Amino acid sequence: MFDASLPSVCLVIPAKNEARNIHSVLARVPDFIQELILVDGHSDDGTVDIAVSIRPDIKVVTDDRPGKGSALRVGFNEAESDFVVIIDADGSMDPQEVIRYVGHMASGYELVKGSRFMVGAGSSDITVIRHLGNKALVTLTNLLFKQRFTDLCYGYLAFDRRRFAELGLRSTGFEIEAEIVTKAAMNGLRITEVPTFESPRLHGVSNLNAIRDGFRILFTILRERGSGRRVRPPRQPAEYVVDLRHDGHRQPAPLPAES
């Protein structure tokens, strides 16, 4: 039984032909997740059937457009929960880490992003090229958007669904995470990072191309900063002060009025 006074949480999982991986991912989803959305890119290997057999309550949405960005935007539009968490279907992200993200969201942050380079974090999958490229893109993002991020090119994210519409996302590929982060910074959302560990995908081969997608991320960063808008300072914390371990929870407060 879920406590109705707690913010609700949706897990969005984009997938295409992840039949050998999706079982492990869904089997580790924490019990407090009330809403599960699988955005399927027309898988032909039984991904959807396996997902439904493990979690009959999962909502399956088909995305006709190619690319992770398109899939995530479809999932965001379908979500109804207070908080939305993104996780990959390949087994590289641990669903049990969701509690870290939700805990920070409940304390007032509007975007929580995973970092593989904080104390207590790591990756057993990142290559030298990806590491160097990520470091360069993080440095540029911090300079242009007045941030202190330690990671950029990692898709384990959680955000306040009520803020989604104002971001106006349009990316179709892996650059979607960079667009979310940079637009959140531009809009003054309260952002924090949490340590996370990236494992190798369980089976199959990733569609990520470090060079091609790296340039798409770079273009996204420059496009967002060149939009002519100033970077807004973070707004006051949202009234989501919730202790997930105890009673006495508070309902989410209305959004603060824009100044």
C-alpha atoms as a PDB file:
ATOM      1  CA  MET A   1       0.000   0.000   0.000  1.00  0.00           C
ATOM      2  CA  PHE A   2       1.451   3.352  -1.048  1.00  0.00           C
ATOM      3  CA  ASP A   3       1.214   6.426   1.141  1.00  0.00           C
ATOM      4  CA  ALA A   4      -0.854   8.932  -0.831  1.00  0.00           C
ATOM      5  CA  SER A   5       0.961  11.825   0.845  1.00  0.00           C
ATOM      6  CA  LEU A   6       4.270  10.812  -0.766  1.00  0.00           C
ATOM      7  CA  PRO A   7       5.159  12.227  -4.181  1.00  0.00           C
ATOM      8  CA  SER A   8       4.488   9.597  -6.827  1.00  0.00           C
ATOM      9  CA  VAL A   9       7.336   8.283  -8.976  1.00  0.00           C
ATOM     10  CA  CYS A  10       7.350   7.159 -12.602  1.00  0.00           C
ATOM     11  CA  LEU A  11      10.164   5.146 -14.171  1.00  0.00           C
ATOM     12  CA  VAL A  12      10.525   5.697 -17.938  1.00  0.00           C
ATOM     13  CA  ILE A  13      12.495   3.030 -19.819  1.00  0.00           C
ATOM     14  CA  PRO A  14      13.222   3.490 -23.538  1.00  0.00           C
ATOM     15  CA  ALA A  15      13.918   0.178 -25.259  1.00  0.00           C
ATOM     16  CA  LYS A  16      14.412  -1.438 -28.639  1.00  0.00           C
ATOM     17  CA  ASN A  17      15.286  -5.115 -28.903  1.00  0.00           C
ATOM     18  CA  GLU A  18      16.374  -5.490 -25.286  1.00  0.00           C
ATOM     19  CA  ALA A  19      14.747  -8.876 -24.672  1.00  0.00           C
ATOM     20  CA  ARG A  20      17.875 -10.319 -23.068  1.00  0.00           C
ATOM     21  CA  ASN A  21      18.258  -7.358 -20.710  1.00  0.00           C
ATOM     22  CA  ILE A  22      14.800  -6.115 -19.762  1.00  0.00           C
ATOM     23  CA  HIS A  23      14.082  -8.984 -17.338  1.00  0.00           C
ATOM     24  CA  SER A  24      17.055  -8.091 -15.132  1.00  0.00           C
ATOM     25  CA  VAL A  25      16.145  -4.398 -15.151  1.00  0.00           C
ATOM     26  CA  LEU A  26      12.476  -4.805 -14.248  1.00  0.00           C
ATOM     27  CA  ALA A  27      13.205  -7.463 -11.623  1.00  0.00           C
ATOM     28  CA  ARG A  28      15.242  -4.901  -9.659  1.00  0.00           C
ATOM     29  CA  VAL A  29      12.768  -2.003  -9.778  1.00  0.00           C
ATOM     30  CA  PRO A  30      11.998  -0.878  -6.189  1.00  0.00           C
ATOM     31  CA  ASP A  31       8.514  -1.525  -4.843  1.00  0.00           C
ATOM     32  CA  PHE A  32       7.790   2.161  -4.215  1.00  0.00           C
ATOM     33  CA  ILE A  33       7.697   2.922  -7.964  1.00  0.00           C
ATOM     34  CA  GLN A  34       4.013   3.469  -8.704  1.00  0.00           C
ATOM     35  CA  GLU A  35       4.199   4.031 -12.469  1.00  0.00           C
ATOM     36  CA  LEU A  36       6.275   2.149 -15.049  1.00  0.00           C
ATOM     37  CA  ILE A  37       6.428   3.184 -18.703  1.00  0.00           C
ATOM     38  CA  LEU A  38       8.236   1.214 -21.393  1.00  0.00           C
ATOM     39  CA  VAL A  39       8.702   3.215 -24.589  1.00  0.00           C
ATOM     40  CA  ASP A  40       9.254   0.606 -27.269  1.00  0.00           C
ATOM     41  CA  GLY A  41      10.849   1.380 -30.622  1.00  0.00           C
ATOM     42  CA  HIS A  42       9.106  -1.439 -32.502  1.00  0.00           C
ATOM     43  CA  SER A  43      11.138  -4.258 -30.967  1.00  0.00           C
ATOM     44  CA  ASP A  44      10.943  -7.539 -32.876  1.00  0.00           C
ATOM     45  CA  ASP A  45      12.680  -9.780 -30.336  1.00  0.00           C
ATOM     46  CA  GLY A  46       9.934 -10.122 -27.734  1.00  0.00           C
ATOM     47  CA  THR A  47      11.029  -7.236 -25.492  1.00  0.00           C
ATOM     48  CA  VAL A  48       7.454  -6.115 -24.855  1.00  0.00           C
ATOM     49  CA  ASP A  49       6.127  -9.612 -24.120  1.00  0.00           C
ATOM     50  CA  ILE A  50       8.896 -10.241 -21.597  1.00  0.00           C
ATOM     51  CA  ALA A  51       8.353  -6.866 -19.930  1.00  0.00           C
ATOM     52  CA  VAL A  52       4.617  -7.452 -19.554  1.00  0.00           C
ATOM     53  CA  SER A  53       5.162 -10.971 -18.217  1.00  0.00           C
ATOM     54  CA  ILE A  54       7.415  -9.594 -15.466  1.00  0.00           C
ATOM     55  CA  ARG A  55       5.403  -6.467 -14.716  1.00  0.00           C
ATOM     56  CA  PRO A  56       1.781  -6.776 -15.870  1.00  0.00           C
ATOM     57  CA  ASP A  57       1.227  -3.230 -14.606  1.00  0.00           C
ATOM     58  CA  ILE A  58       3.774  -1.704 -16.993  1.00  0.00           C
ATOM     59  CA  LYS A  59       2.421   0.765 -19.540  1.00  0.00           C
ATOM     60  CA  VAL A  60       3.805   0.095 -23.011  1.00  0.00           C
ATOM     61  CA  VAL A  61       3.928   2.980 -25.468  1.00  0.00           C
ATOM     62  CA  THR A  62       5.172   2.540 -29.027  1.00  0.00           C
ATOM     63  CA  ASP A  63       7.369   5.250 -30.512  1.00  0.00           C
ATOM     64  CA  ASP A  64       7.379   5.436 -34.305  1.00  0.00           C
ATOM     65  CA  ARG A  65      10.337   7.807 -34.506  1.00  0.00           C
ATOM     66  CA  PRO A  66      13.951   6.642 -34.184  1.00  0.00           C
ATOM     67  CA  GLY A  67      16.258   7.844 -31.424  1.00  0.00           C
ATOM     68  CA  LYS A  68      16.479   7.896 -27.647  1.00  0.00           C
ATOM     69  CA  GLY A  69      15.433  11.532 -27.467  1.00  0.00           C
ATOM     70  CA  SER A  70      12.165  10.856 -29.254  1.00  0.00           C
ATOM     71  CA  ALA A  71      11.472   7.873 -27.012  1.00  0.00           C
ATOM     72  CA  LEU A  72      12.068   9.853 -23.838  1.00  0.00           C
ATOM     73  CA  ARG A  73       9.846  12.730 -24.931  1.00  0.00           C
ATOM     74  CA  VAL A  74       7.063  10.242 -25.627  1.00  0.00           C
ATOM     75  CA  GLY A  75       7.539   8.736 -22.180  1.00  0.00           C
ATOM     76  CA  PHE A  76       7.568  12.127 -20.460  1.00  0.00           C
ATOM     77  CA  ASN A  77       4.285  13.061 -22.113  1.00  0.00           C
ATOM     78  CA  GLU A  78       2.686   9.819 -20.918  1.00  0.00           C
ATOM     79  CA  ALA A  79       3.868  10.120 -17.306  1.00  0.00           C
ATOM     80  CA  GLU A  80       1.377  11.190 -14.647  1.00  0.00           C
ATOM     81  CA  SER A  81       3.507  10.972 -11.496  1.00  0.00           C
ATOM     82  CA  ASP A  82       5.109  13.866  -9.608  1.00  0.00           C
ATOM     83  CA  PHE A  83       8.666  12.708 -10.289  1.00  0.00           C
ATOM     84  CA  VAL A  84       9.963  11.081 -13.464  1.00  0.00           C
ATOM     85  CA  VAL A  85      13.129   8.964 -13.480  1.00  0.00           C
ATOM     86  CA  ILE A  86      14.927   7.860 -16.661  1.00  0.00           C
ATOM     87  CA  ILE A  87      16.759   4.553 -16.790  1.00  0.00           C
ATOM     88  CA  ASP A  88      18.213   2.526 -19.662  1.00  0.00           C
ATOM     89  CA  ALA A  89      16.963  -0.942 -20.572  1.00  0.00           C
ATOM     90  CA  ASP A  90      20.390  -2.504 -21.122  1.00  0.00           C
ATOM     91  CA  GLY A  91      21.231  -3.260 -17.489  1.00  0.00           C
ATOM     92  CA  SER A  92      23.998  -0.659 -17.211  1.00  0.00           C
ATOM     93  CA  MET A  93      22.070   1.352 -14.605  1.00  0.00           C
ATOM     94  CA  ASP A  94      21.029  -0.084 -11.249  1.00  0.00           C
ATOM     95  CA  PRO A  95      17.301   0.487 -10.596  1.00  0.00           C
ATOM     96  CA  GLN A  96      17.991   0.208  -6.860  1.00  0.00           C
ATOM     97  CA  GLU A  97      19.787   3.573  -7.063  1.00  0.00           C
ATOM     98  CA  VAL A  98      16.456   5.270  -7.793  1.00  0.00           C
ATOM     99  CA  ILE A  99      15.989   5.881  -4.069  1.00  0.00           C
ATOM    100  CA  ARG A 100      18.956   8.293  -4.095  1.00  0.00           C
ATOM    101  CA  TYR A 101      17.397  10.340  -6.857  1.00  0.00           C
ATOM    102  CA  VAL A 102      13.945  10.392  -5.314  1.00  0.00           C
ATOM    103  CA  GLY A 103      15.346  11.333  -1.914  1.00  0.00           C
ATOM    104  CA  HIS A 104      16.991  14.447  -3.371  1.00  0.00           C
ATOM    105  CA  MET A 105      13.882  15.279  -5.394  1.00  0.00           C
ATOM    106  CA  ALA A 106      11.782  15.026  -2.257  1.00  0.00           C
ATOM    107  CA  SER A 107      14.058  17.506  -0.493  1.00  0.00           C
ATOM    108  CA  GLY A 108      13.333  20.195  -3.081  1.00  0.00           C
ATOM    109  CA  TYR A 109      15.529  19.629  -6.131  1.00  0.00           C
ATOM    110  CA  GLU A 110      13.861  19.771  -9.535  1.00  0.00           C
ATOM    111  CA  LEU A 111      16.503  17.867 -11.501  1.00  0.00           C
ATOM    112  CA  VAL A 112      18.787  15.185 -10.087  1.00  0.00           C
ATOM    113  CA  LYS A 113      21.462  13.812 -12.398  1.00  0.00           C
ATOM    114  CA  GLY A 114      23.737  10.848 -11.928  1.00  0.00           C
ATOM    115  CA  SER A 115      27.500  11.308 -11.963  1.00  0.00           C
ATOM    116  CA  ARG A 116      30.090   8.604 -12.554  1.00  0.00           C
ATOM    117  CA  PHE A 117      32.899  10.879 -11.353  1.00  0.00           C
ATOM    118  CA  MET A 118      31.880  11.824  -7.814  1.00  0.00           C
ATOM    119  CA  VAL A 119      33.319  10.193  -4.708  1.00  0.00           C
ATOM    120  CA  GLY A 120      31.694   6.782  -4.369  1.00  0.00           C
ATOM    121  CA  ALA A 121      30.786   6.596  -8.062  1.00  0.00           C
ATOM    122  CA  GLY A 122      32.405   4.913 -11.032  1.00  0.00           C
ATOM    123  CA  SER A 123      32.123   3.130 -14.361  1.00  0.00           C
ATOM    124  CA  SER A 124      33.358  -0.202 -15.634  1.00  0.00           C
ATOM    125  CA  ASP A 125      32.158   0.576 -19.142  1.00  0.00           C
ATOM    126  CA  ILE A 126      33.435   4.011 -20.194  1.00  0.00           C
ATOM    127  CA  THR A 127      36.211   4.110 -22.789  1.00  0.00           C
ATOM    128  CA  VAL A 128      39.134   6.539 -22.873  1.00  0.00           C
ATOM    129  CA  ILE A 129      37.603   8.430 -25.806  1.00  0.00           C
ATOM    130  CA  ARG A 130      34.235   8.739 -24.080  1.00  0.00           C
ATOM    131  CA  HIS A 131      35.904   9.810 -20.833  1.00  0.00           C
ATOM    132  CA  LEU A 132      37.952  12.551 -22.491  1.00  0.00           C
ATOM    133  CA  GLY A 133      35.015  13.719 -24.587  1.00  0.00           C
ATOM    134  CA  ASN A 134      32.733  13.848 -21.563  1.00  0.00           C
ATOM    135  CA  LYS A 135      35.316  15.813 -19.591  1.00  0.00           C
ATOM    136  CA  ALA A 136      35.622  18.394 -22.370  1.00  0.00           C
ATOM    137  CA  LEU A 137      31.846  18.735 -22.700  1.00  0.00           C
ATOM    138  CA  VAL A 138      31.408  19.057 -18.924  1.00  0.00           C
ATOM    139  CA  THR A 139      34.037  21.800 -18.785  1.00  0.00           C
ATOM    140  CA  LEU A 140      32.346  23.705 -21.603  1.00  0.00           C
ATOM    141  CA  THR A 141      28.907  23.323 -20.026  1.00  0.00           C
ATOM    142  CA  ASN A 142      30.131  24.549 -16.648  1.00  0.00           C
ATOM    143  CA  LEU A 143      31.737  27.571 -18.283  1.00  0.00           C
ATOM    144  CA  LEU A 144      28.751  28.536 -20.428  1.00  0.00           C
ATOM    145  CA  PHE A 145      25.986  27.762 -17.935  1.00  0.00           C
ATOM    146  CA  LYS A 146      27.724  28.719 -14.669  1.00  0.00           C
ATOM    147  CA  GLN A 147      27.500  25.225 -13.183  1.00  0.00           C
ATOM    148  CA  ARG A 148      29.813  22.834 -11.332  1.00  0.00           C
ATOM    149  CA  PHE A 149      28.832  19.503 -12.847  1.00  0.00           C
ATOM    150  CA  THR A 150      31.164  16.516 -12.746  1.00  0.00           C
ATOM    151  CA  ASP A 151      29.385  14.517 -15.469  1.00  0.00           C
ATOM    152  CA  LEU A 152      27.200  15.355 -18.456  1.00  0.00           C
ATOM    153  CA  CYS A 153      26.885  12.409 -20.825  1.00  0.00           C
ATOM    154  CA  TYR A 154      25.022  10.020 -18.558  1.00  0.00           C
ATOM    155  CA  GLY A 155      21.321   9.418 -18.810  1.00  0.00           C
ATOM    156  CA  TYR A 156      20.302   8.433 -15.281  1.00  0.00           C
ATOM    157  CA  LEU A 157      18.136  11.460 -14.447  1.00  0.00           C
ATOM    158  CA  ALA A 158      15.165  12.392 -12.292  1.00  0.00           C
ATOM    159  CA  PHE A 159      13.079  15.533 -12.622  1.00  0.00           C
ATOM    160  CA  ASP A 160       9.903  17.234 -11.501  1.00  0.00           C
ATOM    161  CA  ARG A 161       7.238  16.477 -14.095  1.00  0.00           C
ATOM    162  CA  ARG A 162       5.599  19.840 -13.485  1.00  0.00           C
ATOM    163  CA  ARG A 163       8.700  21.497 -14.960  1.00  0.00           C
ATOM    164  CA  PHE A 164       8.867  19.366 -18.090  1.00  0.00           C
ATOM    165  CA  ALA A 165       6.683  21.539 -20.317  1.00  0.00           C
ATOM    166  CA  GLU A 166       8.782  24.664 -19.812  1.00  0.00           C
ATOM    167  CA  LEU A 167      11.911  22.960 -21.135  1.00  0.00           C
ATOM    168  CA  GLY A 168      10.552  22.592 -24.664  1.00  0.00           C
ATOM    169  CA  LEU A 169      12.693  19.563 -25.502  1.00  0.00           C
ATOM    170  CA  ARG A 170      13.269  18.728 -29.172  1.00  0.00           C
ATOM    171  CA  SER A 171      16.281  16.404 -29.334  1.00  0.00           C
ATOM    172  CA  THR A 172      15.848  13.038 -31.019  1.00  0.00           C
ATOM    173  CA  GLY A 173      19.076  11.225 -30.112  1.00  0.00           C
ATOM    174  CA  PHE A 174      21.482  10.671 -27.223  1.00  0.00           C
ATOM    175  CA  GLU A 175      21.948  14.448 -26.927  1.00  0.00           C
ATOM    176  CA  ILE A 176      18.585  14.588 -25.116  1.00  0.00           C
ATOM    177  CA  GLU A 177      20.317  14.363 -21.716  1.00  0.00           C
ATOM    178  CA  ALA A 178      22.510  17.378 -22.494  1.00  0.00           C
ATOM    179  CA  GLU A 179      19.451  19.313 -23.641  1.00  0.00           C
ATOM    180  CA  ILE A 180      17.581  18.499 -20.434  1.00  0.00           C
ATOM    181  CA  VAL A 181      20.496  19.597 -18.248  1.00  0.00           C
ATOM    182  CA  THR A 182      21.335  22.799 -20.142  1.00  0.00           C
ATOM    183  CA  LYS A 183      17.717  23.909 -20.428  1.00  0.00           C
ATOM    184  CA  ALA A 184      17.155  23.158 -16.761  1.00  0.00           C
ATOM    185  CA  ALA A 185      20.132  25.398 -15.950  1.00  0.00           C
ATOM    186  CA  MET A 186      18.842  28.130 -18.264  1.00  0.00           C
ATOM    187  CA  ASN A 187      15.442  28.007 -16.570  1.00  0.00           C
ATOM    188  CA  GLY A 188      16.839  28.209 -13.060  1.00  0.00           C
ATOM    189  CA  LEU A 189      15.795  24.749 -11.900  1.00  0.00           C
ATOM    190  CA  ARG A 190      17.426  23.487  -8.717  1.00  0.00           C
ATOM    191  CA  ILE A 191      19.917  20.847  -9.892  1.00  0.00           C
ATOM    192  CA  THR A 192      22.121  18.439  -7.993  1.00  0.00           C
ATOM    193  CA  GLU A 193      24.208  15.362  -8.755  1.00  0.00           C
ATOM    194  CA  VAL A 194      24.307  11.980  -7.027  1.00  0.00           C
ATOM    195  CA  PRO A 195      27.051   9.339  -7.286  1.00  0.00           C
ATOM    196  CA  THR A 196      26.170   6.428  -9.533  1.00  0.00           C
ATOM    197  CA  PHE A 197      27.892   3.388 -10.988  1.00  0.00           C
ATOM    198  CA  GLU A 198      27.764   2.482 -14.669  1.00  0.00           C
ATOM    199  CA  SER A 199      28.072  -1.203 -15.549  1.00  0.00           C
ATOM    200  CA  PRO A 200      28.588  -2.670 -19.025  1.00  0.00           C
ATOM    201  CA  ARG A 201      25.358  -3.511 -20.824  1.00  0.00           C
ATOM    202  CA  LEU A 202      24.378  -7.092 -20.055  1.00  0.00           C
ATOM    203  CA  HIS A 203      23.898  -8.263 -23.646  1.00  0.00           C
ATOM    204  CA  GLY A 204      24.051  -6.798 -27.127  1.00  0.00           C
ATOM    205  CA  VAL A 205      25.780  -3.763 -28.579  1.00  0.00           C
ATOM    206  CA  SER A 206      25.039  -0.115 -27.830  1.00  0.00           C
ATOM    207  CA  ASN A 207      23.838   2.213 -30.594  1.00  0.00           C
ATOM    208  CA  LEU A 208      25.964   5.025 -29.132  1.00  0.00           C
ATOM    209  CA  ASN A 209      28.673   6.360 -31.442  1.00  0.00           C
ATOM    210  CA  ALA A 210      31.145   8.357 -29.359  1.00  0.00           C
ATOM    211  CA  ILE A 211      32.276  10.653 -32.185  1.00  0.00           C
ATOM    212  CA  ARG A 212      28.955  11.240 -33.935  1.00  0.00           C
ATOM    213  CA  ASP A 213      26.919  11.618 -30.769  1.00  0.00           C
ATOM    214  CA  GLY A 214      29.662  13.667 -29.120  1.00  0.00           C
ATOM    215  CA  PHE A 215      29.347  16.269 -31.858  1.00  0.00           C
ATOM    216  CA  ARG A 216      25.559  16.231 -31.527  1.00  0.00           C
ATOM    217  CA  ILE A 217      25.932  16.924 -27.817  1.00  0.00           C
ATOM    218  CA  LEU A 218      28.391  19.735 -28.532  1.00  0.00           C
ATOM    219  CA  PHE A 219      25.961  21.288 -31.019  1.00  0.00           C
ATOM    220  CA  THR A 220      23.165  21.055 -28.453  1.00  0.00           C
ATOM    221  CA  ILE A 221      25.244  22.829 -25.793  1.00  0.00           C
ATOM    222  CA  LEU A 222      26.220  25.651 -28.154  1.00  0.00           C
ATOM    223  CA  ARG A 223      22.679  25.967 -29.509  1.00  0.00           C
ATOM    224  CA  GLU A 224      21.140  26.316 -26.066  1.00  0.00           C
ATOM    225  CA  ARG A 225      23.688  28.854 -24.862  1.00  0.00           C
ATOM    226  CA  GLY A 226      23.391  30.788 -28.119  1.00  0.00           C
ATOM    227  CA  SER A 227      19.643  31.144 -27.729  1.00  0.00           C
ATOM    228  CA  GLY A 228      20.097  34.690 -26.442  1.00  0.00           C
ATOM    229  CA  ARG A 229      18.547  33.965 -23.045  1.00  0.00           C
ATOM    230  CA  ARG A 230      20.381  34.574 -19.806  1.00  0.00           C
ATOM    231  CA  VAL A 231      21.000  31.809 -17.299  1.00  0.00           C
ATOM    232  CA  ARG A 232      18.491  32.275 -14.489  1.00  0.00           C
ATOM    233  CA  PRO A 233      19.594  31.727 -10.878  1.00  0.00           C
ATOM    234  CA  PRO A 234      18.067  28.685  -9.153  1.00  0.00           C
ATOM    235  CA  ARG A 235      14.592  29.321  -7.783  1.00  0.00           C
ATOM    236  CA  GLN A 236      13.568  28.665  -4.196  1.00  0.00           C
ATOM    237  CA  PRO A 237      13.173  25.000  -3.189  1.00  0.00           C
ATOM    238  CA  ALA A 238       9.886  23.362  -4.043  1.00  0.00           C
ATOM    239  CA  GLU A 239       7.777  22.364  -1.058  1.00  0.00           C
ATOM    240  CA  TYR A 240       8.413  18.641  -1.379  1.00  0.00           C
ATOM    241  CA  VAL A 241       9.968  18.209   2.052  1.00  0.00           C
ATOM    242  CA  VAL A 242       9.435  14.484   2.553  1.00  0.00           C
ATOM    243  CA  ASP A 243      11.187  11.884   4.676  1.00  0.00           C
ATOM    244  CA  LEU A 244      10.853   8.588   2.823  1.00  0.00           C
ATOM    245  CA  ARG A 245      11.724   6.590   5.943  1.00  0.00           C
ATOM    246  CA  HIS A 246       9.213   7.997   8.429  1.00  0.00           C
ATOM    247  CA  ASP A 247       5.621   9.107   8.811  1.00  0.00           C
ATOM    248  CA  GLY A 248       4.436  12.696   8.820  1.00  0.00           C
ATOM    249  CA  HIS A 249       4.755  13.330   5.104  1.00  0.00           C
ATOM    250  CA  ARG A 250       3.617  16.533   3.467  1.00  0.00           C
ATOM    251  CA  GLN A 251       1.710  16.880   0.235  1.00  0.00           C
ATOM    252  CA  PRO A 252       3.473  18.613  -2.667  1.00  0.00           C
ATOM    253  CA  ALA A 253       2.817  22.350  -2.558  1.00  0.00           C
ATOM    254  CA  PRO A 254       1.729  24.392  -5.578  1.00  0.00           C
ATOM    255  CA  LEU A 255       4.457  25.703  -7.818  1.00  0.00           C
ATOM    256  CA  PRO A 256       5.863  29.074  -6.776  1.00  0.00           C
ATOM    257  CA  ALA A 257       4.717  32.013  -8.854  1.00  0.00           C
ATOM    258  CA  GLU A 258       7.139  33.210 -11.510  1.00  0.00           C
ATOM    259  CA  SER A 259       8.735  36.562 -10.758  1.00  0.00           C
END
